[in-house]
C-alpha atoms as a PDB file:
ATOM      1  CA  MET A   1      12.442   0.338   7.986  1.00  0.00           C
ATOM      2  CA  TYR A   2       8.893  -0.907   7.277  1.00  0.00           C
ATOM      3  CA  LYS A   3       7.438   2.188   8.884  1.00  0.00           C
ATOM      4  CA  ILE A   4       9.113   4.279   6.182  1.00  0.00           C
ATOM      5  CA  TYR A   5       7.260   2.299   3.516  1.00  0.00           C
ATOM      6  CA  ILE A   6       3.941   2.713   5.247  1.00  0.00           C
ATOM      7  CA  GLU A   7       4.536   6.432   5.730  1.00  0.00           C
ATOM      8  CA  ARG A   8       5.282   6.763   2.011  1.00  0.00           C
ATOM      9  CA  SER A   9       2.281   4.592   1.197  1.00  0.00           C
ATOM     10  CA  ARG A  10       0.073   7.036   3.020  1.00  0.00           C
ATOM     11  CA  ASN A  11       1.299   9.715   0.657  1.00  0.00           C
ATOM     12  CA  MET A  12       1.555   8.466  -2.909  1.00  0.00           C
ATOM     13  CA  ASP A  13       2.342   4.768  -3.238  1.00  0.00           C
ATOM     14  CA  ASN A  14      -0.570   2.473  -3.813  1.00  0.00           C
ATOM     15  CA  LEU A  15      -1.023  -0.679  -1.775  1.00  0.00           C
ATOM     16  CA  GLY A  16       0.594  -2.839  -4.436  1.00  0.00           C
ATOM     17  CA  GLU A  17       3.751  -0.731  -4.479  1.00  0.00           C
ATOM     18  CA  THR A  18       3.917  -0.914  -0.701  1.00  0.00           C
ATOM     19  CA  ILE A  19       3.538  -4.700  -0.745  1.00  0.00           C
ATOM     20  CA  ARG A  20       6.258  -5.041  -3.364  1.00  0.00           C
ATOM     21  CA  LYS A  21       8.648  -2.873  -1.333  1.00  0.00           C
ATOM     22  CA  LEU A  22       7.975  -4.867   1.820  1.00  0.00           C
ATOM     23  CA  ARG A  23       8.465  -8.142  -0.042  1.00  0.00           C
ATOM     24  CA  GLU A  24      11.684  -6.997  -1.716  1.00  0.00           C
ATOM     25  CA  GLU A  25      13.063  -5.623   1.557  1.00  0.00           C
ATOM     26  CA  LYS A  26      12.746  -9.137   3.005  1.00  0.00           C
ATOM     27  CA  GLU A  27      14.141 -10.587  -0.230  1.00  0.00           C
ATOM     28  CA  LEU A  28      11.108 -12.819  -0.662  1.00  0.00           C
ATOM     29  CA  PRO A  29      10.063 -14.188  -4.038  1.00  0.00           C
ATOM     30  CA  LEU A  30       6.505 -13.674  -5.241  1.00  0.00           C
ATOM     31  CA  ARG A  31       5.774 -17.388  -4.890  1.00  0.00           C
ATOM     32  CA  THR A  32       6.517 -17.344  -1.145  1.00  0.00           C
ATOM     33  CA  VAL A  33       4.147 -14.492  -0.320  1.00  0.00           C
ATOM     34  CA  ALA A  34       1.542 -15.791  -2.788  1.00  0.00           C
ATOM     35  CA  ALA A  35       1.675 -19.223  -1.131  1.00  0.00           C
ATOM     36  CA  PHE A  36       1.092 -17.593   2.267  1.00  0.00           C
ATOM     37  CA  LEU A  37      -1.983 -15.858   0.842  1.00  0.00           C
ATOM     38  CA  ASP A  38      -3.053 -19.068  -0.921  1.00  0.00           C
ATOM     39  CA  ILE A  39      -3.198 -17.323  -4.307  1.00  0.00           C
ATOM     40  CA  ASP A  40      -1.346 -17.784  -7.577  1.00  0.00           C
ATOM     41  CA  GLN A  41       1.825 -15.709  -7.885  1.00  0.00           C
ATOM     42  CA  ALA A  42       0.421 -14.123 -11.067  1.00  0.00           C
ATOM     43  CA  ILE A  43      -2.415 -12.680  -8.981  1.00  0.00           C
ATOM     44  CA  LEU A  44       0.020 -11.258  -6.424  1.00  0.00           C
ATOM     45  CA  SER A  45       2.066  -9.802  -9.258  1.00  0.00           C
ATOM     46  CA  LYS A  46      -1.044  -8.065 -10.605  1.00  0.00           C
ATOM     47  CA  ILE A  47      -1.841  -6.723  -7.130  1.00  0.00           C
ATOM     48  CA  GLU A  48       1.687  -5.336  -6.825  1.00  0.00           C
ATOM     49  CA  ARG A  49       1.402  -3.676 -10.247  1.00  0.00           C
ATOM     50  CA  GLY A  50      -1.992  -2.170  -9.429  1.00  0.00           C
ATOM     51  CA  GLN A  51      -3.779  -4.266 -12.053  1.00  0.00           C
ATOM     52  CA  ARG A  52      -5.871  -6.137  -9.520  1.00  0.00           C
ATOM     53  CA  ASN A  53      -7.256  -5.229  -6.108  1.00  0.00           C
ATOM     54  CA  ALA A  54      -6.415  -7.168  -2.981  1.00  0.00           C
ATOM     55  CA  THR A  55      -9.263  -8.275  -0.756  1.00  0.00           C
ATOM     56  CA  ARG A  56      -9.604  -6.988   2.782  1.00  0.00           C
ATOM     57  CA  GLU A  57      -8.751 -10.475   4.046  1.00  0.00           C
ATOM     58  CA  GLN A  58      -5.541 -10.513   1.997  1.00  0.00           C
ATOM     59  CA  VAL A  59      -4.545  -7.104   3.345  1.00  0.00           C
ATOM     60  CA  VAL A  60      -5.042  -8.285   6.923  1.00  0.00           C
ATOM     61  CA  LYS A  61      -2.966 -11.416   6.220  1.00  0.00           C
ATOM     62  CA  LEU A  62      -0.200  -9.337   4.618  1.00  0.00           C
ATOM     63  CA  ALA A  63      -0.008  -7.034   7.633  1.00  0.00           C
ATOM     64  CA  ALA A  64       0.467 -10.066   9.888  1.00  0.00           C
ATOM     65  CA  TYR A  65       2.959 -11.628   7.492  1.00  0.00           C
ATOM     66  CA  PHE A  66       5.130  -8.520   7.302  1.00  0.00           C
ATOM     67  CA  LYS A  67       4.577  -7.725  11.002  1.00  0.00           C
ATOM     68  CA  ILE A  68       3.247  -4.236  10.400  1.00  0.00           C
ATOM     69  CA  LYS A  69       0.177  -2.477  11.763  1.00  0.00           C
ATOM     70  CA  GLU A  70      -2.972  -3.825  10.161  1.00  0.00           C
ATOM     71  CA  SER A  71      -4.585  -0.399  10.236  1.00  0.00           C
ATOM     72  CA  ASP A  72      -1.744   1.109   8.173  1.00  0.00           C
ATOM     73  CA  LEU A  73      -2.224  -1.359   5.328  1.00  0.00           C
ATOM     74  CA  LEU A  74      -6.005  -1.119   5.553  1.00  0.00           C
ATOM     75  CA  VAL A  75      -5.816   2.671   5.226  1.00  0.00           C
ATOM     76  CA  SER A  76      -3.672   2.274   2.111  1.00  0.00           C
ATOM     77  CA  TRP A  77      -6.075  -0.346   0.688  1.00  0.00           C
ATOM     78  CA  LEU A  78      -9.178   1.706   1.376  1.00  0.00           C
ATOM     79  CA  SER A  79      -7.667   4.942   0.086  1.00  0.00           C
ATOM     80  CA  ASP A  80      -6.782   3.145  -3.177  1.00  0.00           C
ATOM     81  CA  LYS A  81     -10.417   2.100  -3.514  1.00  0.00           C
ATOM     82  CA  LEU A  82     -11.602   5.662  -2.948  1.00  0.00           C
ATOM     83  CA  VAL A  83      -9.136   7.135  -5.426  1.00  0.00           C
ATOM     84  CA  TYR A  84     -10.184   4.595  -8.054  1.00  0.00           C
ATOM     85  CA  GLU A  85     -13.837   5.576  -7.636  1.00  0.00           C
ATOM     86  CA  VAL A  86     -13.439   9.359  -7.713  1.00  0.00           C
ATOM     87  CA  ALA A  87     -10.192  10.094  -9.560  1.00  0.00           C
ATOM     88  CA  ASP A  88     -11.852  11.230 -12.791  1.00  0.00           C
ATOM     89  CA  GLU A  89     -14.506  13.372 -11.123  1.00  0.00           C
ATOM     90  CA  GLN A  90     -14.092  17.140 -11.139  1.00  0.00           C
ATOM     91  CA  VAL A  91     -15.737  17.397  -7.728  1.00  0.00           C
ATOM     92  CA  ALA A  92     -13.760  14.515  -6.209  1.00  0.00           C
ATOM     93  CA  LEU A  93     -12.176  16.495  -3.370  1.00  0.00           C
ATOM     94  CA  LYS A  94     -15.462  18.122  -2.387  1.00  0.00           C
ATOM     95  CA  ALA A  95     -17.202  14.740  -2.465  1.00  0.00           C
ATOM     96  CA  LEU A  96     -14.509  13.254  -0.220  1.00  0.00           C
ATOM     97  CA  GLN A  97     -14.916  16.145   2.221  1.00  0.00           C
ATOM     98  CA  VAL A  98     -18.656  15.561   2.361  1.00  0.00           C
ATOM     99  CA  ALA A  99     -18.055  11.817   2.787  1.00  0.00           C
ATOM    100  CA  GLU A 100     -15.723  12.566   5.697  1.00  0.00           C
ATOM    101  CA  GLU A 101     -18.453  14.576   7.386  1.00  0.00           C
ATOM    102  CA  LYS A 102     -20.959  11.783   6.778  1.00  0.00           C
ATOM    103  CA  VAL A 103     -18.621   9.215   8.325  1.00  0.00           C
ATOM    104  CA  LYS A 104     -18.177  11.420  11.386  1.00  0.00           C
ATOM    105  CA  TYR A 105     -21.937  11.842  11.638  1.00  0.00           C
ATOM    106  CA  GLN A 106     -22.571   8.092  11.332  1.00  0.00           C
ATOM    107  CA  LYS A 107     -19.977   7.345  14.001  1.00  0.00           C
ATOM    108  CA  SER A 108     -21.458   9.872  16.423  1.00  0.00           C
ATOM    109  CA  LYS A 109     -24.929   8.541  15.710  1.00  0.00           C
ATOM    110  CA  SER A 110     -23.880   4.940  16.375  1.00  0.00           C
ATOM    111  CA  LYS A 111     -22.193   5.933  19.678  1.00  0.00           C
ATOM    112  CA  LYS A 112     -25.487   7.276  20.965  1.00  0.00           C
ATOM    113  CA  LYS A 113     -27.229   3.903  20.557  1.00  0.00           C
END
């Protein structure tokens, strides 16, 4: 069941929506998950509503908490950050394509070391 949420998250849901769906599927109140993360439930609520960004550390903890692949949640988290940065740019897609090429280049360069 959780895999369905992550698959959808990869498409259109932001990280917060995915977290909320996972939490609701397990019928957990905000305070329980917030306590696990050691944050106020108001902060978790803002993360779920997309009004605040989760930290990388929180994303890793949430993946462990919900027993889902860490990389799936990290991809959702990072893609949200990218969308936030480029969403209003007319050349956003082209910039992301160039960034993809740069990442590939950096990875190949670091492998040679």
